[in-house]
Amino acid sequence: MARALTWPQIAVHHQWIAEQLKVPVTVATIAQRLRDDHHVDVSESTVRRYVATAFAEERLEGKVTVPRGAVEPGSEAQIDYGKLGMWWDPQSGAASRCGYSR
């Protein structure tokens, strides 16, 4: 398994990767810097798998949403957006989506 060969090379830089993710730096940039600056011969997809596994909890924390409580009636407004369909621009002939809000 290739993971057995490359992940230990990446794991040496675990703390550095954690710091980069906090900045935030993209995984693509991290992979490039591992190759260029740290001389780790590893693909971007391998770094993505490593980050997804080794930092799973941290990465999921950013995606958590907490439902807010009830608000007083009339204290806020809501706008619904939708699509009415397509229309053709008579001058250019280009199609455009027609939207609405209410």
PDB file of N, CA and C in Angstrom:
ATOM      1  N   MET A   1       0.839  -1.175   0.000  1.00  0.00           N
ATOM      2  CA  MET A   1       0.000   0.000   0.000  1.00  0.00           C
ATOM      3  C   MET A   1       0.888   1.243   0.000  1.00  0.00           C
ATOM      4  N   ALA A   2       0.620   2.167  -0.916  1.00  0.00           N
ATOM      5  CA  ALA A   2       1.429   3.379  -1.048  1.00  0.00           C
ATOM      6  C   ALA A   2       1.346   4.258   0.194  1.00  0.00           C
ATOM      7  N   ARG A   3       0.212   4.227   0.866  1.00  0.00           N
ATOM      8  CA  ARG A   3       0.033   5.031   2.063  1.00  0.00           C
ATOM      9  C   ARG A   3       1.093   4.710   3.108  1.00  0.00           C
ATOM     10  N   ALA A   4       1.424   3.441   3.195  1.00  0.00           N
ATOM     11  CA  ALA A   4       2.415   3.006   4.186  1.00  0.00           C
ATOM     12  C   ALA A   4       3.779   3.632   3.911  1.00  0.00           C
ATOM     13  N   LEU A   5       4.045   4.002   2.666  1.00  0.00           N
ATOM     14  CA  LEU A   5       5.329   4.603   2.320  1.00  0.00           C
ATOM     15  C   LEU A   5       5.328   6.116   2.428  1.00  0.00           C
ATOM     16  N   THR A   6       4.248   6.753   2.012  1.00  0.00           N
ATOM     17  CA  THR A   6       4.256   8.215   1.941  1.00  0.00           C
ATOM     18  C   THR A   6       3.720   8.905   3.185  1.00  0.00           C
ATOM     19  N   TRP A   7       2.761   8.307   3.875  1.00  0.00           N
ATOM     20  CA  TRP A   7       2.178   8.984   5.029  1.00  0.00           C
ATOM     21  C   TRP A   7       3.181   9.243   6.142  1.00  0.00           C
ATOM     22  N   PRO A   8       4.103   8.334   6.412  1.00  0.00           N
ATOM     23  CA  PRO A   8       5.113   8.667   7.442  1.00  0.00           C
ATOM     24  C   PRO A   8       5.975   9.872   7.051  1.00  0.00           C
ATOM     25  N   GLN A   9       6.244  10.046   5.754  1.00  0.00           N
ATOM     26  CA  GLN A   9       7.006  11.213   5.302  1.00  0.00           C
ATOM     27  C   GLN A   9       6.200  12.496   5.517  1.00  0.00           C
ATOM     28  N   ILE A  10       4.899  12.421   5.329  1.00  0.00           N
ATOM     29  CA  ILE A  10       4.030  13.579   5.545  1.00  0.00           C
ATOM     30  C   ILE A  10       3.862  13.825   7.045  1.00  0.00           C
ATOM     31  N   ALA A  11       3.703  12.762   7.807  1.00  0.00           N
ATOM     32  CA  ALA A  11       3.452  12.871   9.248  1.00  0.00           C
ATOM     33  C   ALA A  11       4.572  13.611   9.977  1.00  0.00           C
ATOM     34  N   VAL A  12       5.777  13.560   9.455  1.00  0.00           N
ATOM     35  CA  VAL A  12       6.897  14.302  10.044  1.00  0.00           C
ATOM     36  C   VAL A  12       6.576  15.795  10.074  1.00  0.00           C
ATOM     37  N   HIS A  13       5.766  16.247   9.145  1.00  0.00           N
ATOM     38  CA  HIS A  13       5.431  17.668   9.007  1.00  0.00           C
ATOM     39  C   HIS A  13       4.006  17.969   9.522  1.00  0.00           C
ATOM     40  N   HIS A  14       3.471  17.101  10.344  1.00  0.00           N
ATOM     41  CA  HIS A  14       2.095  17.211  10.828  1.00  0.00           C
ATOM     42  C   HIS A  14       1.827  18.577  11.479  1.00  0.00           C
ATOM     43  N   GLN A  15       2.688  18.999  12.382  1.00  0.00           N
ATOM     44  CA  GLN A  15       2.482  20.271  13.080  1.00  0.00           C
ATOM     45  C   GLN A  15       2.537  21.445  12.102  1.00  0.00           C
ATOM     46  N   TRP A  16       3.468  21.402  11.180  1.00  0.00           N
ATOM     47  CA  TRP A  16       3.576  22.458  10.171  1.00  0.00           C
ATOM     48  C   TRP A  16       2.296  22.512   9.333  1.00  0.00           C
ATOM     49  N   ILE A  17       1.772  21.345   8.943  1.00  0.00           N
ATOM     50  CA  ILE A  17       0.531  21.287   8.164  1.00  0.00           C
ATOM     51  C   ILE A  17      -0.618  21.875   8.981  1.00  0.00           C
ATOM     52  N   ALA A  18      -0.678  21.542  10.261  1.00  0.00           N
ATOM     53  CA  ALA A  18      -1.733  22.079  11.129  1.00  0.00           C
ATOM     54  C   ALA A  18      -1.677  23.600  11.157  1.00  0.00           C
ATOM     55  N   GLU A  19      -0.490  24.157  11.253  1.00  0.00           N
ATOM     56  CA  GLU A  19      -0.335  25.620  11.258  1.00  0.00           C
ATOM     57  C   GLU A  19      -0.773  26.223   9.929  1.00  0.00           C
ATOM     58  N   GLN A  20      -0.455  25.552   8.827  1.00  0.00           N
ATOM     59  CA  GLN A  20      -0.843  26.046   7.508  1.00  0.00           C
ATOM     60  C   GLN A  20      -2.354  26.031   7.342  1.00  0.00           C
ATOM     61  N   LEU A  21      -3.011  25.007   7.857  1.00  0.00           N
ATOM     62  CA  LEU A  21      -4.461  24.909   7.738  1.00  0.00           C
ATOM     63  C   LEU A  21      -5.168  25.984   8.554  1.00  0.00           C
ATOM     64  N   LYS A  22      -4.540  26.459   9.612  1.00  0.00           N
ATOM     65  CA  LYS A  22      -5.135  27.510  10.437  1.00  0.00           C
ATOM     66  C   LYS A  22      -5.057  28.879   9.769  1.00  0.00           C
ATOM     67  N   VAL A  23      -4.129  29.057   8.827  1.00  0.00           N
ATOM     68  CA  VAL A  23      -3.880  30.382   8.248  1.00  0.00           C
ATOM     69  C   VAL A  23      -5.097  30.935   7.491  1.00  0.00           C
ATOM     70  N   PRO A  24      -5.821  30.361   6.636  1.00  0.00           N
ATOM     71  CA  PRO A  24      -5.760  29.037   6.026  1.00  0.00           C
ATOM     72  C   PRO A  24      -5.011  29.032   4.689  1.00  0.00           C
ATOM     73  N   VAL A  25      -4.297  27.964   4.465  1.00  0.00           N
ATOM     74  CA  VAL A  25      -3.605  27.714   3.202  1.00  0.00           C
ATOM     75  C   VAL A  25      -4.294  26.519   2.562  1.00  0.00           C
ATOM     76  N   THR A  26      -4.461  26.517   1.255  1.00  0.00           N
ATOM     77  CA  THR A  26      -5.125  25.397   0.584  1.00  0.00           C
ATOM     78  C   THR A  26      -4.253  24.149   0.641  1.00  0.00           C
ATOM     79  N   VAL A  27      -4.911  23.013   0.527  1.00  0.00           N
ATOM     80  CA  VAL A  27      -4.183  21.742   0.532  1.00  0.00           C
ATOM     81  C   VAL A  27      -3.267  21.659  -0.684  1.00  0.00           C
ATOM     82  N   ALA A  28      -3.679  22.232  -1.792  1.00  0.00           N
ATOM     83  CA  ALA A  28      -2.830  22.240  -2.993  1.00  0.00           C
ATOM     84  C   ALA A  28      -1.527  22.986  -2.712  1.00  0.00           C
ATOM     85  N   THR A  29      -1.617  24.118  -2.029  1.00  0.00           N
ATOM     86  CA  THR A  29      -0.418  24.891  -1.694  1.00  0.00           C
ATOM     87  C   THR A  29       0.447  24.131  -0.691  1.00  0.00           C
ATOM     88  N   ILE A  30      -0.190  23.490   0.283  1.00  0.00           N
ATOM     89  CA  ILE A  30       0.560  22.695   1.256  1.00  0.00           C
ATOM     90  C   ILE A  30       1.329  21.593   0.551  1.00  0.00           C
ATOM     91  N   ALA A  31       0.662  20.902  -0.377  1.00  0.00           N
ATOM     92  CA  ALA A  31       1.332  19.822  -1.111  1.00  0.00           C
ATOM     93  C   ALA A  31       2.522  20.360  -1.902  1.00  0.00           C
ATOM     94  N   GLN A  32       2.340  21.512  -2.551  1.00  0.00           N
ATOM     95  CA  GLN A  32       3.429  22.107  -3.327  1.00  0.00           C
ATOM     96  C   GLN A  32       4.597  22.499  -2.424  1.00  0.00           C
ATOM     97  N   ARG A  33       4.292  23.093  -1.279  1.00  0.00           N
ATOM     98  CA  ARG A  33       5.352  23.493  -0.358  1.00  0.00           C
ATOM     99  C   ARG A  33       6.058  22.290   0.265  1.00  0.00           C
ATOM    100  N   LEU A  34       5.318  21.202   0.481  1.00  0.00           N
ATOM    101  CA  LEU A  34       5.970  19.979   0.964  1.00  0.00           C
ATOM    102  C   LEU A  34       6.989  19.494  -0.060  1.00  0.00           C
ATOM    103  N   ARG A  35       6.609  19.573  -1.333  1.00  0.00           N
ATOM    104  CA  ARG A  35       7.537  19.137  -2.381  1.00  0.00           C
ATOM    105  C   ARG A  35       8.709  20.098  -2.530  1.00  0.00           C
ATOM    106  N   ASP A  36       8.406  21.405  -2.620  1.00  0.00           N
ATOM    107  CA  ASP A  36       9.447  22.392  -2.914  1.00  0.00           C
ATOM    108  C   ASP A  36      10.335  22.720  -1.713  1.00  0.00           C
ATOM    109  N   ASP A  37       9.715  22.977  -0.570  1.00  0.00           N
ATOM    110  CA  ASP A  37      10.469  23.462   0.593  1.00  0.00           C
ATOM    111  C   ASP A  37      10.962  22.349   1.511  1.00  0.00           C
ATOM    112  N   HIS A  38      10.197  21.260   1.584  1.00  0.00           N
ATOM    113  CA  HIS A  38      10.546  20.192   2.520  1.00  0.00           C
ATOM    114  C   HIS A  38      11.033  18.921   1.817  1.00  0.00           C
ATOM    115  N   HIS A  39      11.059  18.948   0.495  1.00  0.00           N
ATOM    116  CA  HIS A  39      11.597  17.845  -0.323  1.00  0.00           C
ATOM    117  C   HIS A  39      10.909  16.513  -0.042  1.00  0.00           C
ATOM    118  N   VAL A  40       9.583  16.572   0.124  1.00  0.00           N
ATOM    119  CA  VAL A  40       8.787  15.357   0.311  1.00  0.00           C
ATOM    120  C   VAL A  40       8.175  15.022  -1.036  1.00  0.00           C
ATOM    121  N   ASP A  41       8.543  13.893  -1.598  1.00  0.00           N
ATOM    122  CA  ASP A  41       8.049  13.481  -2.906  1.00  0.00           C
ATOM    123  C   ASP A  41       6.681  12.839  -2.733  1.00  0.00           C
ATOM    124  N   VAL A  42       5.638  13.686  -2.844  1.00  0.00           N
ATOM    125  CA  VAL A  42       4.282  13.224  -2.580  1.00  0.00           C
ATOM    126  C   VAL A  42       3.309  13.968  -3.500  1.00  0.00           C
ATOM    127  N   SER A  43       2.242  13.286  -3.888  1.00  0.00           N
ATOM    128  CA  SER A  43       1.258  13.905  -4.775  1.00  0.00           C
ATOM    129  C   SER A  43       0.253  14.722  -3.970  1.00  0.00           C
ATOM    130  N   GLU A  44      -0.402  15.623  -4.663  1.00  0.00           N
ATOM    131  CA  GLU A  44      -1.431  16.444  -4.012  1.00  0.00           C
ATOM    132  C   GLU A  44      -2.569  15.579  -3.493  1.00  0.00           C
ATOM    133  N   SER A  45      -2.959  14.575  -4.256  1.00  0.00           N
ATOM    134  CA  SER A  45      -4.068  13.720  -3.819  1.00  0.00           C
ATOM    135  C   SER A  45      -3.704  12.950  -2.551  1.00  0.00           C
ATOM    136  N   THR A  46      -2.447  12.559  -2.410  1.00  0.00           N
ATOM    137  CA  THR A  46      -2.012  11.876  -1.190  1.00  0.00           C
ATOM    138  C   THR A  46      -2.066  12.824  -0.002  1.00  0.00           C
ATOM    139  N   VAL A  47      -1.659  14.065  -0.209  1.00  0.00           N
ATOM    140  CA  VAL A  47      -1.726  15.061   0.867  1.00  0.00           C
ATOM    141  C   VAL A  47      -3.187  15.314   1.224  1.00  0.00           C
ATOM    142  N   ARG A  48      -4.063  15.365   0.235  1.00  0.00           N
ATOM    143  CA  ARG A  48      -5.496  15.556   0.507  1.00  0.00           C
ATOM    144  C   ARG A  48      -6.041  14.416   1.365  1.00  0.00           C
ATOM    145  N   ARG A  49      -5.686  13.183   1.029  1.00  0.00           N
ATOM    146  CA  ARG A  49      -6.143  12.040   1.822  1.00  0.00           C
ATOM    147  C   ARG A  49      -5.592  12.104   3.238  1.00  0.00           C
ATOM    148  N   TYR A  50      -4.316  12.488   3.371  1.00  0.00           N
ATOM    149  CA  TYR A  50      -3.698  12.603   4.695  1.00  0.00           C
ATOM    150  C   TYR A  50      -4.421  13.664   5.525  1.00  0.00           C
ATOM    151  N   VAL A  51      -4.645  14.823   4.946  1.00  0.00           N
ATOM    152  CA  VAL A  51      -5.320  15.918   5.665  1.00  0.00           C
ATOM    153  C   VAL A  51      -6.738  15.500   6.036  1.00  0.00           C
ATOM    154  N   ALA A  52      -7.451  14.869   5.106  1.00  0.00           N
ATOM    155  CA  ALA A  52      -8.826  14.445   5.380  1.00  0.00           C
ATOM    156  C   ALA A  52      -8.879  13.444   6.529  1.00  0.00           C
ATOM    157  N   THR A  53      -7.878  12.601   6.644  1.00  0.00           N
ATOM    158  CA  THR A  53      -7.857  11.588   7.695  1.00  0.00           C
ATOM    159  C   THR A  53      -7.279  12.133   8.996  1.00  0.00           C
ATOM    160  N   ALA A  54      -6.115  12.753   8.925  1.00  0.00           N
ATOM    161  CA  ALA A  54      -5.411  13.195  10.128  1.00  0.00           C
ATOM    162  C   ALA A  54      -6.062  14.410  10.780  1.00  0.00           C
ATOM    163  N   PHE A  55      -6.767  15.216  10.005  1.00  0.00           N
ATOM    164  CA  PHE A  55      -7.394  16.430  10.534  1.00  0.00           C
ATOM    165  C   PHE A  55      -8.910  16.381  10.371  1.00  0.00           C
ATOM    166  N   ALA A  56      -9.474  15.191  10.372  1.00  0.00           N
ATOM    167  CA  ALA A  56     -10.910  15.029  10.122  1.00  0.00           C
ATOM    168  C   ALA A  56     -11.743  15.836  11.105  1.00  0.00           C
ATOM    169  N   GLU A  57     -11.446  15.746  12.375  1.00  0.00           N
ATOM    170  CA  GLU A  57     -12.257  16.447  13.371  1.00  0.00           C
ATOM    171  C   GLU A  57     -12.163  17.959  13.208  1.00  0.00           C
ATOM    172  N   GLU A  58     -10.958  18.471  13.014  1.00  0.00           N
ATOM    173  CA  GLU A  58     -10.777  19.913  12.854  1.00  0.00           C
ATOM    174  C   GLU A  58     -11.472  20.424  11.595  1.00  0.00           C
ATOM    175  N   ARG A  59     -11.400  19.657  10.531  1.00  0.00           N
ATOM    176  CA  ARG A  59     -12.004  20.086   9.269  1.00  0.00           C
ATOM    177  C   ARG A  59     -13.530  20.084   9.378  1.00  0.00           C
ATOM    178  N   LEU A  60     -14.085  19.150  10.133  1.00  0.00           N
ATOM    179  CA  LEU A  60     -15.535  19.073  10.283  1.00  0.00           C
ATOM    180  C   LEU A  60     -16.070  20.150  11.212  1.00  0.00           C
ATOM    181  N   GLU A  61     -15.263  20.610  12.164  1.00  0.00           N
ATOM    182  CA  GLU A  61     -15.711  21.643  13.093  1.00  0.00           C
ATOM    183  C   GLU A  61     -16.152  22.901  12.361  1.00  0.00           C
ATOM    184  N   GLY A  62     -15.470  23.242  11.297  1.00  0.00           N
ATOM    185  CA  GLY A  62     -15.822  24.431  10.538  1.00  0.00           C
ATOM    186  C   GLY A  62     -17.132  24.306   9.783  1.00  0.00           C
ATOM    187  N   LYS A  63     -17.616  23.086   9.606  1.00  0.00           N
ATOM    188  CA  LYS A  63     -18.844  22.864   8.857  1.00  0.00           C
ATOM    189  C   LYS A  63     -20.073  22.732   9.760  1.00  0.00           C
ATOM    190  N   VAL A  64     -19.866  22.731  11.062  1.00  0.00           N
ATOM    191  CA  VAL A  64     -20.969  22.569  11.994  1.00  0.00           C
ATOM    192  C   VAL A  64     -21.801  23.839  12.049  1.00  0.00           C
ATOM    193  N   THR A  65     -23.104  23.680  11.989  1.00  0.00           N
ATOM    194  CA  THR A  65     -24.000  24.819  12.171  1.00  0.00           C
ATOM    195  C   THR A  65     -24.874  24.545  13.391  1.00  0.00           C
ATOM    196  N   VAL A  66     -25.095  25.572  14.147  1.00  0.00           N
ATOM    197  CA  VAL A  66     -25.924  25.451  15.342  1.00  0.00           C
ATOM    198  C   VAL A  66     -27.217  26.197  15.083  1.00  0.00           C
ATOM    199  N   PRO A  67     -28.360  25.522  15.229  1.00  0.00           N
ATOM    200  CA  PRO A  67     -29.609  26.222  14.982  1.00  0.00           C
ATOM    201  C   PRO A  67     -29.823  27.321  16.020  1.00  0.00           C
ATOM    202  N   ARG A  68     -30.278  28.454  15.563  1.00  0.00           N
ATOM    203  CA  ARG A  68     -30.520  29.531  16.504  1.00  0.00           C
ATOM    204  C   ARG A  68     -31.928  29.396  17.056  1.00  0.00           C
ATOM    205  N   GLY A  69     -32.154  30.028  18.153  1.00  0.00           N
ATOM    206  CA  GLY A  69     -33.455  29.944  18.795  1.00  0.00           C
ATOM    207  C   GLY A  69     -34.514  30.751  18.070  1.00  0.00           C
ATOM    208  N   ALA A  70     -35.703  30.710  18.631  1.00  0.00           N
ATOM    209  CA  ALA A  70     -36.832  31.445  18.062  1.00  0.00           C
ATOM    210  C   ALA A  70     -36.587  32.940  18.188  1.00  0.00           C
ATOM    211  N   VAL A  71     -37.134  33.696  17.266  1.00  0.00           N
ATOM    212  CA  VAL A  71     -37.042  35.156  17.299  1.00  0.00           C
ATOM    213  C   VAL A  71     -38.441  35.726  17.497  1.00  0.00           C
ATOM    214  N   GLU A  72     -38.493  36.934  17.981  1.00  0.00           N
ATOM    215  CA  GLU A  72     -39.771  37.603  18.198  1.00  0.00           C
ATOM    216  C   GLU A  72     -40.490  37.788  16.859  1.00  0.00           C
ATOM    217  N   PRO A  73     -41.770  37.522  16.822  1.00  0.00           N
ATOM    218  CA  PRO A  73     -42.521  37.752  15.577  1.00  0.00           C
ATOM    219  C   PRO A  73     -42.388  39.209  15.130  1.00  0.00           C
ATOM    220  N   GLY A  74     -42.106  39.408  13.847  1.00  0.00           N
ATOM    221  CA  GLY A  74     -41.979  40.737  13.275  1.00  0.00           C
ATOM    222  C   GLY A  74     -40.627  41.399  13.494  1.00  0.00           C
ATOM    223  N   SER A  75     -39.677  40.695  14.149  1.00  0.00           N
ATOM    224  CA  SER A  75     -38.375  41.305  14.435  1.00  0.00           C
ATOM    225  C   SER A  75     -37.400  41.196  13.270  1.00  0.00           C
ATOM    226  N   GLU A  76     -37.726  40.429  12.278  1.00  0.00           N
ATOM    227  CA  GLU A  76     -36.864  40.305  11.105  1.00  0.00           C
ATOM    228  C   GLU A  76     -37.702  40.017   9.884  1.00  0.00           C
ATOM    229  N   ALA A  77     -37.109  40.271   8.733  1.00  0.00           N
ATOM    230  CA  ALA A  77     -37.774  40.002   7.461  1.00  0.00           C
ATOM    231  C   ALA A  77     -37.033  38.885   6.753  1.00  0.00           C
ATOM    232  N   GLN A  78     -37.730  38.179   5.909  1.00  0.00           N
ATOM    233  CA  GLN A  78     -37.112  37.133   5.108  1.00  0.00           C
ATOM    234  C   GLN A  78     -37.404  37.407   3.647  1.00  0.00           C
ATOM    235  N   ILE A  79     -36.442  37.076   2.825  1.00  0.00           N
ATOM    236  CA  ILE A  79     -36.597  37.250   1.385  1.00  0.00           C
ATOM    237  C   ILE A  79     -36.434  35.889   0.734  1.00  0.00           C
ATOM    238  N   ASP A  80     -37.376  35.519  -0.088  1.00  0.00           N
ATOM    239  CA  ASP A  80     -37.301  34.273  -0.838  1.00  0.00           C
ATOM    240  C   ASP A  80     -36.834  34.585  -2.249  1.00  0.00           C
ATOM    241  N   TYR A  81     -35.841  33.863  -2.721  1.00  0.00           N
ATOM    242  CA  TYR A  81     -35.342  34.030  -4.078  1.00  0.00           C
ATOM    243  C   TYR A  81     -35.735  32.809  -4.892  1.00  0.00           C
ATOM    244  N   GLY A  82     -36.062  33.021  -6.114  1.00  0.00           N
ATOM    245  CA  GLY A  82     -36.427  31.908  -6.965  1.00  0.00           C
ATOM    246  C   GLY A  82     -36.129  32.218  -8.414  1.00  0.00           C
ATOM    247  N   LYS A  83     -36.501  31.294  -9.283  1.00  0.00           N
ATOM    248  CA  LYS A  83     -36.286  31.475 -10.713  1.00  0.00           C
ATOM    249  C   LYS A  83     -37.633  31.441 -11.412  1.00  0.00           C
ATOM    250  N   LEU A  84     -37.852  32.433 -12.268  1.00  0.00           N
ATOM    251  CA  LEU A  84     -39.085  32.473 -13.042  1.00  0.00           C
ATOM    252  C   LEU A  84     -38.948  31.750 -14.370  1.00  0.00           C
ATOM    253  N   GLY A  85     -37.753  31.672 -14.865  1.00  0.00           N
ATOM    254  CA  GLY A  85     -37.560  31.026 -16.153  1.00  0.00           C
ATOM    255  C   GLY A  85     -36.469  31.707 -16.951  1.00  0.00           C
ATOM    256  N   MET A  86     -36.564  31.599 -18.268  1.00  0.00           N
ATOM    257  CA  MET A  86     -35.558  32.169 -19.166  1.00  0.00           C
ATOM    258  C   MET A  86     -36.214  33.253 -20.009  1.00  0.00           C
ATOM    259  N   TRP A  87     -35.411  34.230 -20.377  1.00  0.00           N
ATOM    260  CA  TRP A  87     -35.854  35.221 -21.346  1.00  0.00           C
ATOM    261  C   TRP A  87     -34.711  35.466 -22.314  1.00  0.00           C
ATOM    262  N   TRP A  88     -35.063  35.894 -23.505  1.00  0.00           N
ATOM    263  CA  TRP A  88     -34.081  36.124 -24.555  1.00  0.00           C
ATOM    264  C   TRP A  88     -33.875  37.620 -24.730  1.00  0.00           C
ATOM    265  N   ASP A  89     -32.637  38.051 -24.717  1.00  0.00           N
ATOM    266  CA  ASP A  89     -32.297  39.458 -24.948  1.00  0.00           C
ATOM    267  C   ASP A  89     -32.500  39.724 -26.440  1.00  0.00           C
ATOM    268  N   PRO A  90     -33.387  40.644 -26.787  1.00  0.00           N
ATOM    269  CA  PRO A  90     -33.674  40.876 -28.210  1.00  0.00           C
ATOM    270  C   PRO A  90     -32.488  41.438 -28.986  1.00  0.00           C
ATOM    271  N   GLN A  91     -31.574  42.136 -28.316  1.00  0.00           N
ATOM    272  CA  GLN A  91     -30.436  42.713 -29.036  1.00  0.00           C
ATOM    273  C   GLN A  91     -29.328  41.696 -29.242  1.00  0.00           C
ATOM    274  N   SER A  92     -28.975  40.960 -28.192  1.00  0.00           N
ATOM    275  CA  SER A  92     -27.857  40.024 -28.321  1.00  0.00           C
ATOM    276  C   SER A  92     -28.304  38.610 -28.662  1.00  0.00           C
ATOM    277  N   GLY A  93     -29.562  38.297 -28.372  1.00  0.00           N
ATOM    278  CA  GLY A  93     -30.050  36.943 -28.618  1.00  0.00           C
ATOM    279  C   GLY A  93     -29.631  35.965 -27.534  1.00  0.00           C
ATOM    280  N   ALA A  94     -28.952  36.469 -26.491  1.00  0.00           N
ATOM    281  CA  ALA A  94     -28.479  35.605 -25.412  1.00  0.00           C
ATOM    282  C   ALA A  94     -29.619  35.299 -24.445  1.00  0.00           C
ATOM    283  N   ALA A  95     -29.571  34.096 -23.890  1.00  0.00           N
ATOM    284  CA  ALA A  95     -30.571  33.691 -22.897  1.00  0.00           C
ATOM    285  C   ALA A  95     -30.114  34.123 -21.517  1.00  0.00           C
ATOM    286  N   SER A  96     -31.061  34.571 -20.701  1.00  0.00           N
ATOM    287  CA  SER A  96     -30.779  34.972 -19.325  1.00  0.00           C
ATOM    288  C   SER A  96     -31.820  34.364 -18.409  1.00  0.00           C
ATOM    289  N   ARG A  97     -31.394  34.074 -17.183  1.00  0.00           N
ATOM    290  CA  ARG A  97     -32.351  33.573 -16.215  1.00  0.00           C
ATOM    291  C   ARG A  97     -33.041  34.738 -15.557  1.00  0.00           C
ATOM    292  N   CYS A  98     -34.307  34.585 -15.368  1.00  0.00           N
ATOM    293  CA  CYS A  98     -35.111  35.618 -14.758  1.00  0.00           C
ATOM    294  C   CYS A  98     -35.375  35.212 -13.310  1.00  0.00           C
ATOM    295  N   GLY A  99     -35.050  36.075 -12.372  1.00  0.00           N
ATOM    296  CA  GLY A  99     -35.261  35.762 -10.970  1.00  0.00           C
ATOM    297  C   GLY A  99     -36.255  36.701 -10.344  1.00  0.00           C
ATOM    298  N   TYR A 100     -36.656  36.381  -9.140  1.00  0.00           N
ATOM    299  CA  TYR A 100     -37.562  37.251  -8.412  1.00  0.00           C
ATOM    300  C   TYR A 100     -37.210  37.203  -6.939  1.00  0.00           C
ATOM    301  N   SER A 101     -37.690  38.164  -6.212  1.00  0.00           N
ATOM    302  CA  SER A 101     -37.646  38.121  -4.753  1.00  0.00           C
ATOM    303  C   SER A 101     -38.970  38.637  -4.240  1.00  0.00           C
ATOM    304  N   ARG A 102     -39.354  38.148  -3.099  1.00  0.00           N
ATOM    305  CA  ARG A 102     -40.621  38.619  -2.546  1.00  0.00           C
ATOM    306  C   ARG A 102     -40.471  38.850  -1.072  1.00  0.00           C
TER     307      ARG A 102
END
